[in-house]
Full PDB file with SEQRES, HELIX, SHEET, SSBOND, CRYST1, ORIGX, SCALE, CONECT and MASTER records, all heavy atoms in Angstrom:
SEQRES   1 A   41  HIS GLY TYR ILE PRO ARG MET GLN ALA ALA VAL GLU ALA          
SEQRES   2 A   41  LEU GLY LYS LYS GLY GLN LEU ASP VAL ILE LEU VAL GLN          
SEQRES   3 A   41  LEU VAL ASN LEU LEU ARG GLY GLY GLU GLN ILE ALA MET          
SEQRES   4 A   41  SER THR                                                      
HELIX    1 AA1 ILE A    4  ALA A   13  1                                  10    
SHEET    1 AA1 2 LEU A  31  ARG A  32  0                                        
SHEET    2 AA1 2 GLU A  35  GLN A  36 -1                                        
CRYST1    1.000    1.000    1.000  90.00  90.00  90.00 P 1           1          
ORIGX1      1.000000  0.000000  0.000000        0.00000                         
ORIGX2      0.000000  1.000000  0.000000        0.00000                         
ORIGX3      0.000000  0.000000  1.000000        0.00000                         
SCALE1      1.000000  0.000000  0.000000        0.00000                         
SCALE2      0.000000  1.000000  0.000000        0.00000                         
SCALE3      0.000000  0.000000  1.000000        0.00000                         
ATOM      1  N   HIS A   1       0.822  -1.226  -0.001  1.00  0.00           N  
ATOM      2  CA  HIS A   1      -0.002   0.000  -0.008  1.00  0.00           C  
ATOM      3  C   HIS A   1       0.847   1.268   0.006  1.00  0.00           C  
ATOM      4  O   HIS A   1       0.477   2.275  -0.601  1.00  0.00           O  
ATOM      5  CB  HIS A   1      -0.966   0.006   1.186  1.00  0.00           C  
ATOM      6  CG  HIS A   1      -0.293   0.125   2.524  1.00  0.00           C  
ATOM      7  ND1 HIS A   1      -0.076   1.332   3.136  1.00  0.00           N  
ATOM      8  CD2 HIS A   1       0.254  -0.824   3.340  1.00  0.00           C  
ATOM      9  CE1 HIS A   1       0.552   1.125   4.290  1.00  0.00           C  
ATOM     10  NE2 HIS A   1       0.758  -0.161   4.437  1.00  0.00           N  
ATOM     11  N   GLY A   2       2.006   1.232   0.656  1.00  0.00           N  
ATOM     12  CA  GLY A   2       2.856   2.415   0.718  1.00  0.00           C  
ATOM     13  C   GLY A   2       3.517   2.757  -0.610  1.00  0.00           C  
ATOM     14  O   GLY A   2       4.050   3.854  -0.787  1.00  0.00           O  
ATOM     15  N   TYR A   3       3.491   1.814  -1.542  1.00  0.00           N  
ATOM     16  CA  TYR A   3       4.128   1.993  -2.837  1.00  0.00           C  
ATOM     17  C   TYR A   3       3.207   2.689  -3.840  1.00  0.00           C  
ATOM     18  O   TYR A   3       3.659   3.181  -4.873  1.00  0.00           O  
ATOM     19  CB  TYR A   3       4.530   0.609  -3.362  1.00  0.00           C  
ATOM     20  CG  TYR A   3       5.546   0.591  -4.500  1.00  0.00           C  
ATOM     21  CD1 TYR A   3       6.756   1.251  -4.388  1.00  0.00           C  
ATOM     22  CD2 TYR A   3       5.287  -0.122  -5.658  1.00  0.00           C  
ATOM     23  CE1 TYR A   3       7.689   1.209  -5.411  1.00  0.00           C  
ATOM     24  CE2 TYR A   3       6.208  -0.178  -6.700  1.00  0.00           C  
ATOM     25  CZ  TYR A   3       7.413   0.493  -6.563  1.00  0.00           C  
ATOM     26  OH  TYR A   3       8.334   0.437  -7.570  1.00  0.00           O  
ATOM     27  N   ILE A   4       1.900   2.747  -3.508  1.00  0.00           N  
ATOM     28  CA  ILE A   4       0.935   3.306  -4.452  1.00  0.00           C  
ATOM     29  C   ILE A   4       1.228   4.768  -4.798  1.00  0.00           C  
ATOM     30  O   ILE A   4       1.281   5.120  -5.981  1.00  0.00           O  
ATOM     31  CB  ILE A   4      -0.513   3.152  -3.926  1.00  0.00           C  
ATOM     32  CG1 ILE A   4      -0.876   1.663  -3.839  1.00  0.00           C  
ATOM     33  CG2 ILE A   4      -1.494   3.878  -4.851  1.00  0.00           C  
ATOM     34  CD1 ILE A   4      -2.259   1.411  -3.228  1.00  0.00           C  
ATOM     35  N   PRO A   5       1.436   5.674  -3.802  1.00  0.00           N  
ATOM     36  CA  PRO A   5       1.678   7.081  -4.173  1.00  0.00           C  
ATOM     37  C   PRO A   5       2.902   7.250  -5.065  1.00  0.00           C  
ATOM     38  O   PRO A   5       2.888   8.082  -5.984  1.00  0.00           O  
ATOM     39  CB  PRO A   5       1.887   7.761  -2.799  1.00  0.00           C  
ATOM     40  CG  PRO A   5       1.188   6.871  -1.823  1.00  0.00           C  
ATOM     41  CD  PRO A   5       1.376   5.480  -2.350  1.00  0.00           C  
ATOM     42  N   ARG A   6       3.939   6.453  -4.807  1.00  0.00           N  
ATOM     43  CA  ARG A   6       5.153   6.552  -5.616  1.00  0.00           C  
ATOM     44  C   ARG A   6       4.881   6.140  -7.056  1.00  0.00           C  
ATOM     45  O   ARG A   6       5.338   6.769  -8.005  1.00  0.00           O  
ATOM     46  CB  ARG A   6       6.255   5.687  -5.000  1.00  0.00           C  
ATOM     47  CG  ARG A   6       7.639   6.038  -5.478  1.00  0.00           C  
ATOM     48  CD  ARG A   6       8.699   5.142  -4.910  1.00  0.00           C  
ATOM     49  NE  ARG A   6       8.587   5.009  -3.448  1.00  0.00           N  
ATOM     50  CZ  ARG A   6       9.350   4.192  -2.731  1.00  0.00           C  
ATOM     51  NH1 ARG A   6      10.235   3.409  -3.341  1.00  0.00           N  
ATOM     52  NH2 ARG A   6       9.201   4.113  -1.432  1.00  0.00           N  
ATOM     53  N   MET A   7       4.097   5.045  -7.206  1.00  0.00           N  
ATOM     54  CA  MET A   7       3.809   4.573  -8.558  1.00  0.00           C  
ATOM     55  C   MET A   7       2.860   5.522  -9.282  1.00  0.00           C  
ATOM     56  O   MET A   7       3.000   5.757 -10.490  1.00  0.00           O  
ATOM     57  CB  MET A   7       3.201   3.167  -8.468  1.00  0.00           C  
ATOM     58  CG  MET A   7       3.359   2.332  -9.719  1.00  0.00           C  
ATOM     59  SD  MET A   7       5.090   2.009 -10.113  1.00  0.00           S  
ATOM     60  CE  MET A   7       5.211   2.774 -11.726  1.00  0.00           C  
ATOM     61  N   GLN A   8       1.909   6.088  -8.533  1.00  0.00           N  
ATOM     62  CA  GLN A   8       1.008   7.086  -9.124  1.00  0.00           C  
ATOM     63  C   GLN A   8       1.799   8.305  -9.585  1.00  0.00           C  
ATOM     64  O   GLN A   8       1.518   8.892 -10.651  1.00  0.00           O  
ATOM     65  CB  GLN A   8      -0.065   7.508  -8.119  1.00  0.00           C  
ATOM     66  CG  GLN A   8      -1.055   6.424  -7.738  1.00  0.00           C  
ATOM     67  CD  GLN A   8      -2.124   6.168  -8.783  1.00  0.00           C  
ATOM     68  OE1 GLN A   8      -1.992   6.581  -9.939  1.00  0.00           O  
ATOM     69  NE2 GLN A   8      -3.186   5.472  -8.412  1.00  0.00           N  
ATOM     70  N   ALA A   9       2.808   8.689  -8.808  1.00  0.00           N  
ATOM     71  CA  ALA A   9       3.652   9.833  -9.188  1.00  0.00           C  
ATOM     72  C   ALA A   9       4.425   9.514 -10.457  1.00  0.00           C  
ATOM     73  O   ALA A   9       4.568  10.363 -11.351  1.00  0.00           O  
ATOM     74  CB  ALA A   9       4.594  10.174  -8.044  1.00  0.00           C  
ATOM     75  N   ALA A  10       4.911   8.281 -10.560  1.00  0.00           N  
ATOM     76  CA  ALA A  10       5.673   7.882 -11.743  1.00  0.00           C  
ATOM     77  C   ALA A  10       4.785   7.921 -12.991  1.00  0.00           C  
ATOM     78  O   ALA A  10       5.207   8.388 -14.063  1.00  0.00           O  
ATOM     79  CB  ALA A  10       6.240   6.485 -11.540  1.00  0.00           C  
ATOM     80  N   VAL A  11       3.565   7.444 -12.849  1.00  0.00           N  
ATOM     81  CA  VAL A  11       2.626   7.439 -13.971  1.00  0.00           C  
ATOM     82  C   VAL A  11       2.295   8.889 -14.378  1.00  0.00           C  
ATOM     83  O   VAL A  11       2.198   9.204 -15.571  1.00  0.00           O  
ATOM     84  CB  VAL A  11       1.339   6.664 -13.588  1.00  0.00           C  
ATOM     85  CG1 VAL A  11       0.238   6.913 -14.588  1.00  0.00           C  
ATOM     86  CG2 VAL A  11       1.646   5.169 -13.494  1.00  0.00           C  
ATOM     87  N   GLU A  12       2.146   9.749 -13.383  1.00  0.00           N  
ATOM     88  CA  GLU A  12       1.913  11.158 -13.686  1.00  0.00           C  
ATOM     89  C   GLU A  12       3.096  11.771 -14.428  1.00  0.00           C  
ATOM     90  O   GLU A  12       2.935  12.547 -15.374  1.00  0.00           O  
ATOM     91  CB  GLU A  12       1.654  11.929 -12.381  1.00  0.00           C  
ATOM     92  CG  GLU A  12       1.323  13.400 -12.604  1.00  0.00           C  
ATOM     93  CD  GLU A  12       0.984  14.150 -11.321  1.00  0.00           C  
ATOM     94  OE1 GLU A  12       0.771  13.500 -10.281  1.00  0.00           O  
ATOM     95  OE2 GLU A  12       0.936  15.393 -11.377  1.00  0.00           O  
ATOM     96  N   ALA A  13       4.309  11.402 -14.012  1.00  0.00           N  
ATOM     97  CA  ALA A  13       5.521  11.900 -14.667  1.00  0.00           C  
ATOM     98  C   ALA A  13       5.604  11.442 -16.124  1.00  0.00           C  
ATOM     99  O   ALA A  13       6.198  12.110 -16.959  1.00  0.00           O  
ATOM    100  CB  ALA A  13       6.762  11.432 -13.909  1.00  0.00           C  
ATOM    101  N   LEU A  14       4.972  10.294 -16.414  1.00  0.00           N  
ATOM    102  CA  LEU A  14       4.944   9.783 -17.786  1.00  0.00           C  
ATOM    103  C   LEU A  14       3.826  10.439 -18.617  1.00  0.00           C  
ATOM    104  O   LEU A  14       3.632  10.079 -19.775  1.00  0.00           O  
ATOM    105  CB  LEU A  14       4.745   8.262 -17.771  1.00  0.00           C  
ATOM    106  CG  LEU A  14       5.887   7.436 -17.184  1.00  0.00           C  
ATOM    107  CD1 LEU A  14       5.453   5.979 -16.986  1.00  0.00           C  
ATOM    108  CD2 LEU A  14       7.120   7.491 -18.098  1.00  0.00           C  
ATOM    109  N   GLY A  15       3.088  11.338 -17.976  1.00  0.00           N  
ATOM    110  CA  GLY A  15       2.003  12.029 -18.684  1.00  0.00           C  
ATOM    111  C   GLY A  15       0.701  11.257 -18.693  1.00  0.00           C  
ATOM    112  O   GLY A  15      -0.179  11.514 -19.525  1.00  0.00           O  
ATOM    113  N   LYS A  16       0.538  10.313 -17.735  1.00  0.00           N  
ATOM    114  CA  LYS A  16      -0.658   9.454 -17.717  1.00  0.00           C  
ATOM    115  C   LYS A  16      -1.405   9.568 -16.391  1.00  0.00           C  
ATOM    116  O   LYS A  16      -1.931   8.580 -15.880  1.00  0.00           O  
ATOM    117  CB  LYS A  16      -0.257   7.991 -17.961  1.00  0.00           C  
ATOM    118  CG  LYS A  16       0.468   7.747 -19.285  1.00  0.00           C  
ATOM    119  CD  LYS A  16      -0.427   8.046 -20.486  1.00  0.00           C  
ATOM    120  CE  LYS A  16       0.288   7.794 -21.798  1.00  0.00           C  
ATOM    121  NZ  LYS A  16      -0.576   8.063 -22.958  1.00  0.00           N  
ATOM    122  N   LYS A  17      -1.452  10.771 -15.853  1.00  0.00           N  
ATOM    123  CA  LYS A  17      -2.118  10.976 -14.559  1.00  0.00           C  
ATOM    124  C   LYS A  17      -3.565  10.471 -14.616  1.00  0.00           C  
ATOM    125  O   LYS A  17      -4.283  10.732 -15.571  1.00  0.00           O  
ATOM    126  CB  LYS A  17      -2.103  12.464 -14.203  1.00  0.00           C  
ATOM    127  CG  LYS A  17      -2.704  12.759 -12.823  1.00  0.00           C  
ATOM    128  CD  LYS A  17      -2.607  14.256 -12.502  1.00  0.00           C  
ATOM    129  CE  LYS A  17      -3.199  14.530 -11.125  1.00  0.00           C  
ATOM    130  NZ  LYS A  17      -3.121  15.983 -10.775  1.00  0.00           N  
ATOM    131  N   GLY A  18      -3.962   9.736 -13.569  1.00  0.00           N  
ATOM    132  CA  GLY A  18      -5.324   9.244 -13.470  1.00  0.00           C  
ATOM    133  C   GLY A  18      -5.598   7.986 -14.267  1.00  0.00           C  
ATOM    134  O   GLY A  18      -6.748   7.534 -14.343  1.00  0.00           O  
ATOM    135  N   GLN A  19      -4.555   7.403 -14.878  1.00  0.00           N  
ATOM    136  CA  GLN A  19      -4.767   6.235 -15.715  1.00  0.00           C  
ATOM    137  C   GLN A  19      -4.239   4.940 -15.082  1.00  0.00           C  
ATOM    138  O   GLN A  19      -4.082   3.932 -15.766  1.00  0.00           O  
ATOM    139  CB  GLN A  19      -4.121   6.457 -17.094  1.00  0.00           C  
ATOM    140  CG  GLN A  19      -4.839   7.518 -17.910  1.00  0.00           C  
ATOM    141  CD  GLN A  19      -4.170   7.779 -19.250  1.00  0.00           C  
ATOM    142  OE1 GLN A  19      -3.654   8.878 -19.498  1.00  0.00           O  
ATOM    143  NE2 GLN A  19      -4.168   6.807 -20.119  1.00  0.00           N  
ATOM    144  N   LEU A  20      -3.977   4.987 -13.780  1.00  0.00           N  
ATOM    145  CA  LEU A  20      -3.552   3.794 -13.048  1.00  0.00           C  
ATOM    146  C   LEU A  20      -4.483   3.568 -11.867  1.00  0.00           C  
ATOM    147  O   LEU A  20      -4.698   4.458 -11.052  1.00  0.00           O  
ATOM    148  CB  LEU A  20      -2.124   3.942 -12.534  1.00  0.00           C  
ATOM    149  CG  LEU A  20      -1.642   2.846 -11.558  1.00  0.00           C  
ATOM    150  CD1 LEU A  20      -1.551   1.493 -12.255  1.00  0.00           C  
ATOM    151  CD2 LEU A  20      -0.289   3.209 -10.941  1.00  0.00           C  
ATOM    152  N   ASP A  21      -5.083   2.388 -11.811  1.00  0.00           N  
ATOM    153  CA  ASP A  21      -5.875   1.984 -10.650  1.00  0.00           C  
ATOM    154  C   ASP A  21      -5.174   0.825  -9.967  1.00  0.00           C  
ATOM    155  O   ASP A  21      -4.709  -0.111 -10.638  1.00  0.00           O  
ATOM    156  CB  ASP A  21      -7.278   1.517 -11.077  1.00  0.00           C  
ATOM    157  CG  ASP A  21      -8.190   2.664 -11.461  1.00  0.00           C  
ATOM    158  OD1 ASP A  21      -8.201   3.664 -10.716  1.00  0.00           O  
ATOM    159  OD2 ASP A  21      -8.880   2.583 -12.478  1.00  0.00           O  
ATOM    160  N   VAL A  22      -5.072   0.881  -8.660  1.00  0.00           N  
ATOM    161  CA  VAL A  22      -4.443  -0.191  -7.887  1.00  0.00           C  
ATOM    162  C   VAL A  22      -5.478  -0.799  -6.950  1.00  0.00           C  
ATOM    163  O   VAL A  22      -6.139  -0.079  -6.187  1.00  0.00           O  
ATOM    164  CB  VAL A  22      -3.231   0.312  -7.083  1.00  0.00           C  
ATOM    165  CG1 VAL A  22      -2.625  -0.831  -6.265  1.00  0.00           C  
ATOM    166  CG2 VAL A  22      -2.183   0.908  -8.008  1.00  0.00           C  
ATOM    167  N   ILE A  23      -5.621  -2.103  -7.034  1.00  0.00           N  
ATOM    168  CA  ILE A  23      -6.507  -2.843  -6.131  1.00  0.00           C  
ATOM    169  C   ILE A  23      -5.636  -3.612  -5.150  1.00  0.00           C  
ATOM    170  O   ILE A  23      -4.759  -4.377  -5.564  1.00  0.00           O  
ATOM    171  CB  ILE A  23      -7.405  -3.819  -6.922  1.00  0.00           C  
ATOM    172  CG1 ILE A  23      -8.325  -3.056  -7.864  1.00  0.00           C  
ATOM    173  CG2 ILE A  23      -8.213  -4.701  -5.973  1.00  0.00           C  
ATOM    174  CD1 ILE A  23      -9.114  -3.961  -8.810  1.00  0.00           C  
ATOM    175  N   LEU A  24      -5.861  -3.389  -3.865  1.00  0.00           N  
ATOM    176  CA  LEU A  24      -5.094  -4.087  -2.840  1.00  0.00           C  
ATOM    177  C   LEU A  24      -5.847  -5.327  -2.358  1.00  0.00           C  
ATOM    178  O   LEU A  24      -7.067  -5.300  -2.182  1.00  0.00           O  
ATOM    179  CB  LEU A  24      -4.825  -3.155  -1.653  1.00  0.00           C  
ATOM    180  CG  LEU A  24      -3.895  -1.970  -1.930  1.00  0.00           C  
ATOM    181  CD1 LEU A  24      -3.750  -1.122  -0.670  1.00  0.00           C  
ATOM    182  CD2 LEU A  24      -2.525  -2.425  -2.425  1.00  0.00           C  
ATOM    183  N   VAL A  25      -5.100  -6.401  -2.160  1.00  0.00           N  
ATOM    184  CA  VAL A  25      -5.682  -7.674  -1.729  1.00  0.00           C  
ATOM    185  C   VAL A  25      -5.141  -8.008  -0.348  1.00  0.00           C  
ATOM    186  O   VAL A  25      -3.926  -8.186  -0.186  1.00  0.00           O  
ATOM    187  CB  VAL A  25      -5.362  -8.794  -2.720  1.00  0.00           C  
ATOM    188  CG1 VAL A  25      -5.965 -10.117  -2.256  1.00  0.00           C  
ATOM    189  CG2 VAL A  25      -5.853  -8.441  -4.119  1.00  0.00           C  
ATOM    190  N   GLN A  26      -6.039  -8.080   0.617  1.00  0.00           N  
ATOM    191  CA  GLN A  26      -5.619  -8.376   1.981  1.00  0.00           C  
ATOM    192  C   GLN A  26      -5.322  -9.862   2.173  1.00  0.00           C  
ATOM    193  O   GLN A  26      -5.656 -10.708   1.336  1.00  0.00           O  
ATOM    194  CB  GLN A  26      -6.704  -7.941   2.978  1.00  0.00           C  
ATOM    195  CG  GLN A  26      -6.495  -6.560   3.558  1.00  0.00           C  
ATOM    196  CD  GLN A  26      -5.270  -6.454   4.462  1.00  0.00           C  
ATOM    197  OE1 GLN A  26      -4.572  -7.440   4.699  1.00  0.00           O  
ATOM    198  NE2 GLN A  26      -5.009  -5.272   4.964  1.00  0.00           N  
ATOM    199  N   LEU A  27      -4.718 -10.144   3.299  1.00  0.00           N  
ATOM    200  CA  LEU A  27      -4.296 -11.503   3.620  1.00  0.00           C  
ATOM    201  C   LEU A  27      -5.502 -12.443   3.798  1.00  0.00           C  
ATOM    202  O   LEU A  27      -6.586 -12.024   4.160  1.00  0.00           O  
ATOM    203  CB  LEU A  27      -3.475 -11.506   4.914  1.00  0.00           C  
ATOM    204  CG  LEU A  27      -2.127 -10.765   4.854  1.00  0.00           C  
ATOM    205  CD1 LEU A  27      -1.538 -10.711   6.243  1.00  0.00           C  
ATOM    206  CD2 LEU A  27      -1.189 -11.456   3.886  1.00  0.00           C  
ATOM    207  N   VAL A  28      -5.250 -13.705   3.561  1.00  0.00           N  
ATOM    208  CA  VAL A  28      -6.222 -14.746   3.813  1.00  0.00           C  
ATOM    209  C   VAL A  28      -5.786 -15.522   5.053  1.00  0.00           C  
ATOM    210  O   VAL A  28      -4.659 -15.991   5.143  1.00  0.00           O  
ATOM    211  CB  VAL A  28      -6.316 -15.729   2.612  1.00  0.00           C  
ATOM    212  CG1 VAL A  28      -7.328 -16.835   2.908  1.00  0.00           C  
ATOM    213  CG2 VAL A  28      -6.690 -14.985   1.348  1.00  0.00           C  
ATOM    214  N   ASN A  29      -6.692 -15.632   6.004  1.00  0.00           N  
ATOM    215  CA  ASN A  29      -6.446 -16.475   7.178  1.00  0.00           C  
ATOM    216  C   ASN A  29      -7.056 -17.831   6.898  1.00  0.00           C  
ATOM    217  O   ASN A  29      -8.276 -17.999   6.921  1.00  0.00           O  
ATOM    218  CB  ASN A  29      -7.089 -15.865   8.442  1.00  0.00           C  
ATOM    219  CG  ASN A  29      -6.496 -14.507   8.783  1.00  0.00           C  
ATOM    220  OD1 ASN A  29      -5.282 -14.311   8.728  1.00  0.00           O  
ATOM    221  ND2 ASN A  29      -7.354 -13.551   9.107  1.00  0.00           N  
ATOM    222  N   LEU A  30      -6.210 -18.788   6.597  1.00  0.00           N  
ATOM    223  CA  LEU A  30      -6.676 -20.132   6.263  1.00  0.00           C  
ATOM    224  C   LEU A  30      -6.830 -20.931   7.542  1.00  0.00           C  
ATOM    225  O   LEU A  30      -5.902 -21.052   8.337  1.00  0.00           O  
ATOM    226  CB  LEU A  30      -5.667 -20.804   5.318  1.00  0.00           C  
ATOM    227  CG  LEU A  30      -6.147 -22.041   4.587  1.00  0.00           C  
ATOM    228  CD1 LEU A  30      -7.329 -21.713   3.685  1.00  0.00           C  
ATOM    229  CD2 LEU A  30      -5.010 -22.630   3.759  1.00  0.00           C  
ATOM    230  N   LEU A  31      -8.055 -21.432   7.755  1.00  0.00           N  
ATOM    231  CA  LEU A  31      -8.360 -22.149   8.996  1.00  0.00           C  
ATOM    232  C   LEU A  31      -8.683 -23.603   8.714  1.00  0.00           C  
ATOM    233  O   LEU A  31      -9.288 -23.954   7.712  1.00  0.00           O  
ATOM    234  CB  LEU A  31      -9.560 -21.491   9.695  1.00  0.00           C  
ATOM    235  CG  LEU A  31      -9.490 -19.982   9.929  1.00  0.00           C  
ATOM    236  CD1 LEU A  31     -10.797 -19.490  10.513  1.00  0.00           C  
ATOM    237  CD2 LEU A  31      -8.328 -19.628  10.852  1.00  0.00           C  
ATOM    238  N   ARG A  32      -8.259 -24.444   9.640  1.00  0.00           N  
ATOM    239  CA  ARG A  32      -8.616 -25.858   9.584  1.00  0.00           C  
ATOM    240  C   ARG A  32      -8.861 -26.303  11.034  1.00  0.00           C  
ATOM    241  O   ARG A  32      -7.960 -26.240  11.864  1.00  0.00           O  
ATOM    242  CB  ARG A  32      -7.488 -26.686   8.970  1.00  0.00           C  
ATOM    243  CG  ARG A  32      -7.884 -28.137   8.669  1.00  0.00           C  
ATOM    244  CD  ARG A  32      -6.646 -28.987   8.336  1.00  0.00           C  
ATOM    245  NE  ARG A  32      -5.924 -28.464   7.204  1.00  0.00           N  
ATOM    246  CZ  ARG A  32      -6.264 -28.685   5.936  1.00  0.00           C  
ATOM    247  NH1 ARG A  32      -7.323 -29.414   5.661  1.00  0.00           N  
ATOM    248  NH2 ARG A  32      -5.543 -28.199   4.950  1.00  0.00           N  
ATOM    249  N   GLY A  33     -10.106 -26.720  11.291  1.00  0.00           N  
ATOM    250  CA  GLY A  33     -10.431 -27.110  12.677  1.00  0.00           C  
ATOM    251  C   GLY A  33     -10.285 -25.957  13.648  1.00  0.00           C  
ATOM    252  O   GLY A  33      -9.918 -26.168  14.815  1.00  0.00           O  
ATOM    253  N   GLY A  34     -10.514 -24.738  13.169  1.00  0.00           N  
ATOM    254  CA  GLY A  34     -10.425 -23.563  14.044  1.00  0.00           C  
ATOM    255  C   GLY A  34      -9.011 -23.048  14.237  1.00  0.00           C  
ATOM    256  O   GLY A  34      -8.808 -22.018  14.871  1.00  0.00           O  
ATOM    257  N   GLU A  35      -8.021 -23.743  13.681  1.00  0.00           N  
ATOM    258  CA  GLU A  35      -6.633 -23.339  13.844  1.00  0.00           C  
ATOM    259  C   GLU A  35      -6.115 -22.714  12.558  1.00  0.00           C  
ATOM    260  O   GLU A  35      -6.337 -23.243  11.465  1.00  0.00           O  
ATOM    261  CB  GLU A  35      -5.760 -24.556  14.204  1.00  0.00           C  
ATOM    262  CG  GLU A  35      -6.099 -25.184  15.533  1.00  0.00           C  
ATOM    263  CD  GLU A  35      -5.763 -24.277  16.706  1.00  0.00           C  
ATOM    264  OE1 GLU A  35      -4.746 -23.572  16.617  1.00  0.00           O  
ATOM    265  OE2 GLU A  35      -6.528 -24.260  17.699  1.00  0.00           O  
ATOM    266  N   GLN A  36      -5.409 -21.590  12.695  1.00  0.00           N  
ATOM    267  CA  GLN A  36      -4.846 -20.946  11.516  1.00  0.00           C  
ATOM    268  C   GLN A  36      -3.638 -21.717  11.000  1.00  0.00           C  
ATOM    269  O   GLN A  36      -2.821 -22.202  11.785  1.00  0.00           O  
ATOM    270  CB  GLN A  36      -4.445 -19.505  11.844  1.00  0.00           C  
ATOM    271  CG  GLN A  36      -4.013 -18.714  10.607  1.00  0.00           C  
ATOM    272  CD  GLN A  36      -3.876 -17.230  10.891  1.00  0.00           C  
ATOM    273  OE1 GLN A  36      -4.527 -16.701  11.791  1.00  0.00           O  
ATOM    274  NE2 GLN A  36      -3.046 -16.539  10.131  1.00  0.00           N  
ATOM    275  N   ILE A  37      -3.542 -21.824   9.673  1.00  0.00           N  
ATOM    276  CA  ILE A  37      -2.437 -22.537   9.062  1.00  0.00           C  
ATOM    277  C   ILE A  37      -1.363 -21.540   8.673  1.00  0.00           C  
ATOM    278  O   ILE A  37      -1.624 -20.564   7.977  1.00  0.00           O  
ATOM    279  CB  ILE A  37      -2.910 -23.311   7.800  1.00  0.00           C  
ATOM    280  CG1 ILE A  37      -3.990 -24.315   8.187  1.00  0.00           C  
ATOM    281  CG2 ILE A  37      -1.747 -24.014   7.107  1.00  0.00           C  
ATOM    282  CD1 ILE A  37      -4.693 -24.950   7.012  1.00  0.00           C  
ATOM    283  N   ALA A  38      -0.128 -21.786   9.142  1.00  0.00           N  
ATOM    284  CA  ALA A  38       0.977 -20.860   8.873  1.00  0.00           C  
ATOM    285  C   ALA A  38       1.420 -20.985   7.419  1.00  0.00           C  
ATOM    286  O   ALA A  38       1.372 -22.054   6.832  1.00  0.00           O  
ATOM    287  CB  ALA A  38       2.141 -21.161   9.795  1.00  0.00           C  
ATOM    288  N   MET A  39       1.838 -19.828   6.839  1.00  0.00           N  
ATOM    289  CA  MET A  39       2.295 -19.830   5.460  1.00  0.00           C  
ATOM    290  C   MET A  39       3.588 -19.011   5.356  1.00  0.00           C  
ATOM    291  O   MET A  39       3.635 -17.873   5.770  1.00  0.00           O  
ATOM    292  CB  MET A  39       1.251 -19.228   4.537  1.00  0.00           C  
ATOM    293  CG  MET A  39      -0.011 -20.051   4.413  1.00  0.00           C  
ATOM    294  SD  MET A  39      -1.245 -19.237   3.379  1.00  0.00           S  
ATOM    295  CE  MET A  39      -1.816 -17.950   4.485  1.00  0.00           C  
ATOM    296  N   SER A  40       4.631 -19.624   4.803  1.00  0.00           N  
ATOM    297  CA  SER A  40       5.886 -18.917   4.561  1.00  0.00           C  
ATOM    298  C   SER A  40       6.661 -19.657   3.487  1.00  0.00           C  
ATOM    299  O   SER A  40       7.070 -20.799   3.683  1.00  0.00           O  
ATOM    300  CB  SER A  40       6.734 -18.851   5.843  1.00  0.00           C  
ATOM    301  OG  SER A  40       8.021 -18.360   5.537  1.00  0.00           O  
ATOM    302  N   THR A  41       6.866 -19.010   2.352  1.00  0.00           N  
ATOM    303  CA  THR A  41       7.533 -19.670   1.244  1.00  0.00           C  
ATOM    304  C   THR A  41       8.957 -20.067   1.595  1.00  0.00           C  
ATOM    305  O   THR A  41       9.398 -21.170   1.328  1.00  0.00           O  
ATOM    306  CB  THR A  41       7.558 -18.741  -0.014  1.00  0.00           C  
ATOM    307  OG1 THR A  41       6.257 -18.252  -0.221  1.00  0.00           O  
ATOM    308  CG2 THR A  41       8.039 -19.488  -1.231  1.00  0.00           C  
TER     309      THR A  41                                                      
MASTER        0    0    0    1    2    0    0    6  308    1    0    4          
END                                                                             
């Protein structure tokens, strides 16, 4: 999320202000039997 303003600024610098939309996807808490499953690549 903190990278969005920087990328929007870059797009504006390229002459394309307002032509970038960013959709953020939050984390998924995967549960099995009420217990969260840890994830780390």
